[in-house]
Amino acid sequence: MGRLCRSSSPSPSRPRRPVGSWGAAKARRVLAALHRIGWTLKRQSGSHRTLARDGWQDFTFAFHDDEEIGPRMLARIAKQTGLTPADLKS
């Protein structure tokens, strides 16, 4: 019997971005970009901030402000929040 495999092609509603399109960024800058695209602080416990946005699941942002976030983690954050590399530029 054959095994079922998930297709690696991106879904039509969410294009897949290569990790290479992301650089590293400070957590403070990423959080500011998330606020600019509509995420709001729902609650905070220490460095764990829960962000909310209509139409999206809550997102826990668990980084200290001066922490450097690498490209792979930025890609993961983008997948859950809708963040784009252009959002970090402004």
PDB file of N, CA and C in Angstrom:
ATOM      1  N   MET A   1       0.832  -1.172   0.000  1.00  0.00           N
ATOM      2  CA  MET A   1       0.000   0.000   0.000  1.00  0.00           C
ATOM      3  C   MET A   1       0.878   1.236   0.000  1.00  0.00           C
ATOM      4  N   GLY A   2       0.454   2.244  -0.741  1.00  0.00           N
ATOM      5  CA  GLY A   2       1.219   3.487  -0.831  1.00  0.00           C
ATOM      6  C   GLY A   2       0.978   4.381   0.376  1.00  0.00           C
ATOM      7  N   ARG A   3       1.977   5.163   0.672  1.00  0.00           N
ATOM      8  CA  ARG A   3       1.852   6.115   1.770  1.00  0.00           C
ATOM      9  C   ARG A   3       1.310   7.426   1.240  1.00  0.00           C
ATOM     10  N   LEU A   4       0.499   8.076   2.059  1.00  0.00           N
ATOM     11  CA  LEU A   4      -0.022   9.379   1.694  1.00  0.00           C
ATOM     12  C   LEU A   4       0.986  10.438   2.087  1.00  0.00           C
ATOM     13  N   CYS A   5       1.289  11.345   1.184  1.00  0.00           N
ATOM     14  CA  CYS A   5       2.237  12.416   1.461  1.00  0.00           C
ATOM     15  C   CYS A   5       1.534  13.752   1.317  1.00  0.00           C
ATOM     16  N   ARG A   6       1.904  14.669   2.167  1.00  0.00           N
ATOM     17  CA  ARG A   6       1.375  16.022   2.024  1.00  0.00           C
ATOM     18  C   ARG A   6       2.116  16.724   0.905  1.00  0.00           C
ATOM     19  N   SER A   7       1.391  17.491   0.172  1.00  0.00           N
ATOM     20  CA  SER A   7       2.006  18.242  -0.913  1.00  0.00           C
ATOM     21  C   SER A   7       2.875  19.343  -0.336  1.00  0.00           C
ATOM     22  N   SER A   8       4.032  19.562  -0.930  1.00  0.00           N
ATOM     23  CA  SER A   8       4.931  20.608  -0.446  1.00  0.00           C
ATOM     24  C   SER A   8       4.660  21.941  -1.129  1.00  0.00           C
ATOM     25  N   SER A   9       3.670  21.972  -1.999  1.00  0.00           N
ATOM     26  CA  SER A   9       3.368  23.228  -2.679  1.00  0.00           C
ATOM     27  C   SER A   9       2.610  24.159  -1.735  1.00  0.00           C
ATOM     28  N   PRO A  10       2.830  25.469  -1.871  1.00  0.00           N
ATOM     29  CA  PRO A  10       2.157  26.420  -0.986  1.00  0.00           C
ATOM     30  C   PRO A  10       0.659  26.474  -1.261  1.00  0.00           C
ATOM     31  N   SER A  11      -0.090  26.796  -0.224  1.00  0.00           N
ATOM     32  CA  SER A  11      -1.531  26.923  -0.401  1.00  0.00           C
ATOM     33  C   SER A  11      -1.827  28.214  -1.155  1.00  0.00           C
ATOM     34  N   PRO A  12      -2.915  28.272  -1.898  1.00  0.00           N
ATOM     35  CA  PRO A  12      -3.214  29.470  -2.678  1.00  0.00           C
ATOM     36  C   PRO A  12      -3.483  30.698  -1.815  1.00  0.00           C
ATOM     37  N   SER A  13      -3.945  30.503  -0.575  1.00  0.00           N
ATOM     38  CA  SER A  13      -4.263  31.648   0.267  1.00  0.00           C
ATOM     39  C   SER A  13      -3.040  32.215   0.982  1.00  0.00           C
ATOM     40  N   ARG A  14      -1.991  31.426   1.130  1.00  0.00           N
ATOM     41  CA  ARG A  14      -0.803  31.889   1.835  1.00  0.00           C
ATOM     42  C   ARG A  14       0.446  31.448   1.075  1.00  0.00           C
ATOM     43  N   PRO A  15       1.050  32.356   0.316  1.00  0.00           N
ATOM     44  CA  PRO A  15       2.242  31.965  -0.434  1.00  0.00           C
ATOM     45  C   PRO A  15       3.392  31.637   0.507  1.00  0.00           C
ATOM     46  N   ARG A  16       4.204  30.702   0.114  1.00  0.00           N
ATOM     47  CA  ARG A  16       5.335  30.282   0.932  1.00  0.00           C
ATOM     48  C   ARG A  16       6.532  31.169   0.644  1.00  0.00           C
ATOM     49  N   ARG A  17       7.171  31.668   1.681  1.00  0.00           N
ATOM     50  CA  ARG A  17       8.337  32.526   1.522  1.00  0.00           C
ATOM     51  C   ARG A  17       9.582  31.739   1.882  1.00  0.00           C
ATOM     52  N   PRO A  18      10.614  31.836   1.073  1.00  0.00           N
ATOM     53  CA  PRO A  18      11.850  31.153   1.433  1.00  0.00           C
ATOM     54  C   PRO A  18      12.489  31.847   2.636  1.00  0.00           C
ATOM     55  N   VAL A  19      13.170  31.080   3.453  1.00  0.00           N
ATOM     56  CA  VAL A  19      13.818  31.634   4.633  1.00  0.00           C
ATOM     57  C   VAL A  19      14.820  32.698   4.223  1.00  0.00           C
ATOM     58  N   GLY A  20      15.404  32.568   3.047  1.00  0.00           N
ATOM     59  CA  GLY A  20      16.412  33.503   2.574  1.00  0.00           C
ATOM     60  C   GLY A  20      15.915  34.929   2.412  1.00  0.00           C
ATOM     61  N   SER A  21      14.618  35.153   2.339  1.00  0.00           N
ATOM     62  CA  SER A  21      14.099  36.512   2.184  1.00  0.00           C
ATOM     63  C   SER A  21      14.055  37.255   3.509  1.00  0.00           C
ATOM     64  N   TRP A  22      14.370  36.576   4.592  1.00  0.00           N
ATOM     65  CA  TRP A  22      14.379  37.176   5.925  1.00  0.00           C
ATOM     66  C   TRP A  22      15.810  37.389   6.378  1.00  0.00           C
ATOM     67  N   GLY A  23      16.063  38.519   7.002  1.00  0.00           N
ATOM     68  CA  GLY A  23      17.333  38.748   7.678  1.00  0.00           C
ATOM     69  C   GLY A  23      17.082  38.603   9.167  1.00  0.00           C
ATOM     70  N   ALA A  24      18.063  38.913   9.973  1.00  0.00           N
ATOM     71  CA  ALA A  24      17.860  38.907  11.417  1.00  0.00           C
ATOM     72  C   ALA A  24      17.330  40.271  11.847  1.00  0.00           C
ATOM     73  N   ALA A  25      16.613  40.315  12.959  1.00  0.00           N
ATOM     74  CA  ALA A  25      16.069  41.583  13.465  1.00  0.00           C
ATOM     75  C   ALA A  25      15.944  41.504  14.978  1.00  0.00           C
ATOM     76  N   LYS A  26      16.040  42.638  15.626  1.00  0.00           N
ATOM     77  CA  LYS A  26      15.844  42.710  17.070  1.00  0.00           C
ATOM     78  C   LYS A  26      14.363  42.487  17.376  1.00  0.00           C
ATOM     79  N   ALA A  27      14.101  41.859  18.513  1.00  0.00           N
ATOM     80  CA  ALA A  27      12.725  41.562  18.911  1.00  0.00           C
ATOM     81  C   ALA A  27      11.897  42.843  19.040  1.00  0.00           C
ATOM     82  N   ARG A  28      12.509  43.915  19.521  1.00  0.00           N
ATOM     83  CA  ARG A  28      11.793  45.193  19.660  1.00  0.00           C
ATOM     84  C   ARG A  28      11.255  45.652  18.302  1.00  0.00           C
ATOM     85  N   ARG A  29      12.049  45.493  17.257  1.00  0.00           N
ATOM     86  CA  ARG A  29      11.645  45.915  15.909  1.00  0.00           C
ATOM     87  C   ARG A  29      10.530  45.028  15.356  1.00  0.00           C
ATOM     88  N   VAL A  30      10.635  43.730  15.623  1.00  0.00           N
ATOM     89  CA  VAL A  30       9.602  42.789  15.163  1.00  0.00           C
ATOM     90  C   VAL A  30       8.279  43.085  15.859  1.00  0.00           C
ATOM     91  N   LEU A  31       8.328  43.311  17.166  1.00  0.00           N
ATOM     92  CA  LEU A  31       7.111  43.618  17.915  1.00  0.00           C
ATOM     93  C   LEU A  31       6.471  44.914  17.412  1.00  0.00           C
ATOM     94  N   ALA A  32       7.285  45.929  17.129  1.00  0.00           N
ATOM     95  CA  ALA A  32       6.753  47.191  16.595  1.00  0.00           C
ATOM     96  C   ALA A  32       6.079  46.961  15.246  1.00  0.00           C
ATOM     97  N   ALA A  33       6.674  46.117  14.406  1.00  0.00           N
ATOM     98  CA  ALA A  33       6.082  45.814  13.103  1.00  0.00           C
ATOM     99  C   ALA A  33       4.752  45.084  13.267  1.00  0.00           C
ATOM    100  N   LEU A  34       4.676  44.171  14.237  1.00  0.00           N
ATOM    101  CA  LEU A  34       3.420  43.462  14.492  1.00  0.00           C
ATOM    102  C   LEU A  34       2.334  44.431  14.938  1.00  0.00           C
ATOM    103  N   HIS A  35       2.698  45.397  15.773  1.00  0.00           N
ATOM    104  CA  HIS A  35       1.722  46.414  16.195  1.00  0.00           C
ATOM    105  C   HIS A  35       1.254  47.248  14.997  1.00  0.00           C
ATOM    106  N   ARG A  36       2.172  47.569  14.092  1.00  0.00           N
ATOM    107  CA  ARG A  36       1.803  48.371  12.911  1.00  0.00           C
ATOM    108  C   ARG A  36       0.823  47.640  12.000  1.00  0.00           C
ATOM    109  N   ILE A  37       0.924  46.311  11.924  1.00  0.00           N
ATOM    110  CA  ILE A  37       0.016  45.576  11.026  1.00  0.00           C
ATOM    111  C   ILE A  37      -1.268  45.137  11.722  1.00  0.00           C
ATOM    112  N   GLY A  38      -1.487  45.620  12.960  1.00  0.00           N
ATOM    113  CA  GLY A  38      -2.785  45.399  13.586  1.00  0.00           C
ATOM    114  C   GLY A  38      -2.820  44.508  14.805  1.00  0.00           C
ATOM    115  N   TRP A  39      -1.697  43.961  15.243  1.00  0.00           N
ATOM    116  CA  TRP A  39      -1.678  43.135  16.442  1.00  0.00           C
ATOM    117  C   TRP A  39      -1.673  44.035  17.664  1.00  0.00           C
ATOM    118  N   THR A  40      -2.429  43.654  18.688  1.00  0.00           N
ATOM    119  CA  THR A  40      -2.487  44.428  19.929  1.00  0.00           C
ATOM    120  C   THR A  40      -2.122  43.531  21.100  1.00  0.00           C
ATOM    121  N   LEU A  41      -1.607  44.144  22.160  1.00  0.00           N
ATOM    122  CA  LEU A  41      -1.230  43.402  23.357  1.00  0.00           C
ATOM    123  C   LEU A  41      -2.487  43.007  24.123  1.00  0.00           C
ATOM    124  N   LYS A  42      -2.667  41.715  24.310  1.00  0.00           N
ATOM    125  CA  LYS A  42      -3.831  41.201  25.033  1.00  0.00           C
ATOM    126  C   LYS A  42      -3.485  41.035  26.520  1.00  0.00           C
ATOM    127  N   ARG A  43      -2.315  40.454  26.783  1.00  0.00           N
ATOM    128  CA  ARG A  43      -1.828  40.303  28.156  1.00  0.00           C
ATOM    129  C   ARG A  43      -0.324  40.055  28.115  1.00  0.00           C
ATOM    130  N   GLN A  44       0.314  40.232  29.279  1.00  0.00           N
ATOM    131  CA  GLN A  44       1.751  40.034  29.367  1.00  0.00           C
ATOM    132  C   GLN A  44       2.096  39.423  30.712  1.00  0.00           C
ATOM    133  N   SER A  45       3.021  38.474  30.693  1.00  0.00           N
ATOM    134  CA  SER A  45       3.553  37.870  31.902  1.00  0.00           C
ATOM    135  C   SER A  45       5.058  37.760  31.712  1.00  0.00           C
ATOM    136  N   GLY A  46       5.805  38.674  32.306  1.00  0.00           N
ATOM    137  CA  GLY A  46       7.254  38.707  32.101  1.00  0.00           C
ATOM    138  C   GLY A  46       7.553  39.101  30.666  1.00  0.00           C
ATOM    139  N   SER A  47       8.380  38.306  29.996  1.00  0.00           N
ATOM    140  CA  SER A  47       8.708  38.608  28.605  1.00  0.00           C
ATOM    141  C   SER A  47       7.743  37.953  27.624  1.00  0.00           C
ATOM    142  N   HIS A  48       6.778  37.196  28.129  1.00  0.00           N
ATOM    143  CA  HIS A  48       5.788  36.548  27.265  1.00  0.00           C
ATOM    144  C   HIS A  48       4.617  37.494  27.039  1.00  0.00           C
ATOM    145  N   ARG A  49       4.460  37.920  25.797  1.00  0.00           N
ATOM    146  CA  ARG A  49       3.353  38.812  25.437  1.00  0.00           C
ATOM    147  C   ARG A  49       2.382  38.047  24.549  1.00  0.00           C
ATOM    148  N   THR A  50       1.117  38.080  24.894  1.00  0.00           N
ATOM    149  CA  THR A  50       0.102  37.465  24.048  1.00  0.00           C
ATOM    150  C   THR A  50      -0.522  38.574  23.220  1.00  0.00           C
ATOM    151  N   LEU A  51      -0.426  38.418  21.903  1.00  0.00           N
ATOM    152  CA  LEU A  51      -0.943  39.413  20.972  1.00  0.00           C
ATOM    153  C   LEU A  51      -2.230  38.895  20.347  1.00  0.00           C
ATOM    154  N   ALA A  52      -3.137  39.807  20.035  1.00  0.00           N
ATOM    155  CA  ALA A  52      -4.420  39.436  19.436  1.00  0.00           C
ATOM    156  C   ALA A  52      -4.672  40.293  18.201  1.00  0.00           C
ATOM    157  N   ARG A  53      -5.372  39.706  17.236  1.00  0.00           N
ATOM    158  CA  ARG A  53      -5.779  40.406  16.016  1.00  0.00           C
ATOM    159  C   ARG A  53      -7.028  39.712  15.493  1.00  0.00           C
ATOM    160  N   ASP A  54      -8.011  40.506  15.087  1.00  0.00           N
ATOM    161  CA  ASP A  54      -9.254  39.934  14.564  1.00  0.00           C
ATOM    162  C   ASP A  54      -8.967  39.026  13.383  1.00  0.00           C
ATOM    163  N   GLY A  55      -9.582  37.860  13.382  1.00  0.00           N
ATOM    164  CA  GLY A  55      -9.437  36.918  12.283  1.00  0.00           C
ATOM    165  C   GLY A  55      -8.214  36.025  12.395  1.00  0.00           C
ATOM    166  N   TRP A  56      -7.429  36.150  13.456  1.00  0.00           N
ATOM    167  CA  TRP A  56      -6.213  35.357  13.643  1.00  0.00           C
ATOM    168  C   TRP A  56      -6.245  34.729  15.032  1.00  0.00           C
ATOM    169  N   GLN A  57      -5.550  33.606  15.186  1.00  0.00           N
ATOM    170  CA  GLN A  57      -5.384  33.020  16.511  1.00  0.00           C
ATOM    171  C   GLN A  57      -4.425  33.891  17.308  1.00  0.00           C
ATOM    172  N   ASP A  58      -4.601  33.932  18.629  1.00  0.00           N
ATOM    173  CA  ASP A  58      -3.671  34.674  19.476  1.00  0.00           C
ATOM    174  C   ASP A  58      -2.249  34.152  19.255  1.00  0.00           C
ATOM    175  N   PHE A  59      -1.290  35.055  19.374  1.00  0.00           N
ATOM    176  CA  PHE A  59       0.109  34.707  19.146  1.00  0.00           C
ATOM    177  C   PHE A  59       0.924  35.098  20.373  1.00  0.00           C
ATOM    178  N   THR A  60       1.713  34.170  20.882  1.00  0.00           N
ATOM    179  CA  THR A  60       2.574  34.454  22.031  1.00  0.00           C
ATOM    180  C   THR A  60       3.949  34.854  21.530  1.00  0.00           C
ATOM    181  N   PHE A  61       4.345  36.072  21.848  1.00  0.00           N
ATOM    182  CA  PHE A  61       5.641  36.615  21.479  1.00  0.00           C
ATOM    183  C   PHE A  61       6.516  36.542  22.721  1.00  0.00           C
ATOM    184  N   ALA A  62       7.485  35.618  22.741  1.00  0.00           N
ATOM    185  CA  ALA A  62       8.257  35.329  23.951  1.00  0.00           C
ATOM    186  C   ALA A  62       9.726  35.668  23.766  1.00  0.00           C
ATOM    187  N   PHE A  63      10.009  36.930  23.493  1.00  0.00           N
ATOM    188  CA  PHE A  63      11.386  37.371  23.291  1.00  0.00           C
ATOM    189  C   PHE A  63      11.644  38.629  24.112  1.00  0.00           C
ATOM    190  N   HIS A  64      12.870  38.775  24.602  1.00  0.00           N
ATOM    191  CA  HIS A  64      13.282  40.009  25.261  1.00  0.00           C
ATOM    192  C   HIS A  64      13.555  41.049  24.174  1.00  0.00           C
ATOM    193  N   ASP A  65      13.345  42.329  24.481  1.00  0.00           N
ATOM    194  CA  ASP A  65      13.448  43.397  23.480  1.00  0.00           C
ATOM    195  C   ASP A  65      14.775  43.429  22.733  1.00  0.00           C
ATOM    196  N   ASP A  66      15.888  43.201  23.418  1.00  0.00           N
ATOM    197  CA  ASP A  66      17.199  43.290  22.773  1.00  0.00           C
ATOM    198  C   ASP A  66      17.661  41.984  22.148  1.00  0.00           C
ATOM    199  N   GLU A  67      16.833  40.967  22.192  1.00  0.00           N
ATOM    200  CA  GLU A  67      17.185  39.666  21.629  1.00  0.00           C
ATOM    201  C   GLU A  67      17.146  39.714  20.104  1.00  0.00           C
ATOM    202  N   GLU A  68      18.127  39.092  19.476  1.00  0.00           N
ATOM    203  CA  GLU A  68      18.192  39.007  18.011  1.00  0.00           C
ATOM    204  C   GLU A  68      17.384  37.789  17.566  1.00  0.00           C
ATOM    205  N   ILE A  69      16.476  37.987  16.627  1.00  0.00           N
ATOM    206  CA  ILE A  69      15.659  36.891  16.087  1.00  0.00           C
ATOM    207  C   ILE A  69      16.181  36.577  14.695  1.00  0.00           C
ATOM    208  N   GLY A  70      16.540  35.334  14.477  1.00  0.00           N
ATOM    209  CA  GLY A  70      17.120  34.905  13.210  1.00  0.00           C
ATOM    210  C   GLY A  70      16.085  34.669  12.123  1.00  0.00           C
ATOM    211  N   PRO A  71      16.565  34.420  10.902  1.00  0.00           N
ATOM    212  CA  PRO A  71      15.670  34.257   9.745  1.00  0.00           C
ATOM    213  C   PRO A  71      14.680  33.110   9.867  1.00  0.00           C
ATOM    214  N   ARG A  72      15.097  31.980  10.428  1.00  0.00           N
ATOM    215  CA  ARG A  72      14.177  30.841  10.522  1.00  0.00           C
ATOM    216  C   ARG A  72      13.030  31.146  11.480  1.00  0.00           C
ATOM    217  N   MET A  73      13.352  31.760  12.617  1.00  0.00           N
ATOM    218  CA  MET A  73      12.294  32.101  13.574  1.00  0.00           C
ATOM    219  C   MET A  73      11.407  33.201  13.010  1.00  0.00           C
ATOM    220  N   LEU A  74      11.972  34.158  12.286  1.00  0.00           N
ATOM    221  CA  LEU A  74      11.151  35.200  11.661  1.00  0.00           C
ATOM    222  C   LEU A  74      10.174  34.586  10.660  1.00  0.00           C
ATOM    223  N   ALA A  75      10.625  33.585   9.920  1.00  0.00           N
ATOM    224  CA  ALA A  75       9.732  32.911   8.971  1.00  0.00           C
ATOM    225  C   ALA A  75       8.593  32.211   9.703  1.00  0.00           C
ATOM    226  N   ARG A  76       8.889  31.622  10.847  1.00  0.00           N
ATOM    227  CA  ARG A  76       7.845  30.963  11.646  1.00  0.00           C
ATOM    228  C   ARG A  76       6.851  31.979  12.197  1.00  0.00           C
ATOM    229  N   ILE A  77       7.386  33.098  12.683  1.00  0.00           N
ATOM    230  CA  ILE A  77       6.516  34.165  13.196  1.00  0.00           C
ATOM    231  C   ILE A  77       5.621  34.676  12.077  1.00  0.00           C
ATOM    232  N   ALA A  78       6.198  34.864  10.890  1.00  0.00           N
ATOM    233  CA  ALA A  78       5.444  35.373   9.741  1.00  0.00           C
ATOM    234  C   ALA A  78       4.305  34.443   9.360  1.00  0.00           C
ATOM    235  N   LYS A  79       4.551  33.153   9.431  1.00  0.00           N
ATOM    236  CA  LYS A  79       3.527  32.174   9.070  1.00  0.00           C
ATOM    237  C   LYS A  79       2.311  32.281   9.989  1.00  0.00           C
ATOM    238  N   GLN A  80       2.548  32.605  11.261  1.00  0.00           N
ATOM    239  CA  GLN A  80       1.460  32.667  12.236  1.00  0.00           C
ATOM    240  C   GLN A  80       0.824  34.051  12.346  1.00  0.00           C
ATOM    241  N   THR A  81       1.512  35.100  11.846  1.00  0.00           N
ATOM    242  CA  THR A  81       1.025  36.458  12.061  1.00  0.00           C
ATOM    243  C   THR A  81       0.746  37.253  10.795  1.00  0.00           C
ATOM    244  N   GLY A  82       1.229  36.783   9.641  1.00  0.00           N
ATOM    245  CA  GLY A  82       1.050  37.551   8.410  1.00  0.00           C
ATOM    246  C   GLY A  82       2.119  38.606   8.205  1.00  0.00           C
ATOM    247  N   LEU A  83       3.171  38.617   9.020  1.00  0.00           N
ATOM    248  CA  LEU A  83       4.258  39.569   8.897  1.00  0.00           C
ATOM    249  C   LEU A  83       5.022  39.311   7.604  1.00  0.00           C
ATOM    250  N   THR A  84       5.459  40.378   6.944  1.00  0.00           N
ATOM    251  CA  THR A  84       6.260  40.254   5.728  1.00  0.00           C
ATOM    252  C   THR A  84       7.595  40.963   5.933  1.00  0.00           C
ATOM    253  N   PRO A  85       8.606  40.628   5.138  1.00  0.00           N
ATOM    254  CA  PRO A  85       9.893  41.330   5.270  1.00  0.00           C
ATOM    255  C   PRO A  85       9.741  42.843   5.078  1.00  0.00           C
ATOM    256  N   ALA A  86       8.819  43.261   4.246  1.00  0.00           N
ATOM    257  CA  ALA A  86       8.597  44.702   4.013  1.00  0.00           C
ATOM    258  C   ALA A  86       8.083  45.390   5.282  1.00  0.00           C
ATOM    259  N   ASP A  87       7.338  44.665   6.124  1.00  0.00           N
ATOM    260  CA  ASP A  87       6.819  45.246   7.359  1.00  0.00           C
ATOM    261  C   ASP A  87       7.950  45.638   8.327  1.00  0.00           C
ATOM    262  N   LEU A  88       9.078  44.943   8.238  1.00  0.00           N
ATOM    263  CA  LEU A  88      10.206  45.242   9.113  1.00  0.00           C
ATOM    264  C   LEU A  88      11.015  46.435   8.636  1.00  0.00           C
ATOM    265  N   LYS A  89      10.870  46.798   7.393  1.00  0.00           N
ATOM    266  CA  LYS A  89      11.658  47.899   6.815  1.00  0.00           C
ATOM    267  C   LYS A  89      11.216  49.247   7.327  1.00  0.00           C
ATOM    268  N   SER A  90       9.933  49.421   7.600  1.00  0.00           N
ATOM    269  CA  SER A  90       9.434  50.750   7.994  1.00  0.00           C
ATOM    270  C   SER A  90       9.603  51.031   9.459  1.00  0.00           C
TER     271      SER A  90
END
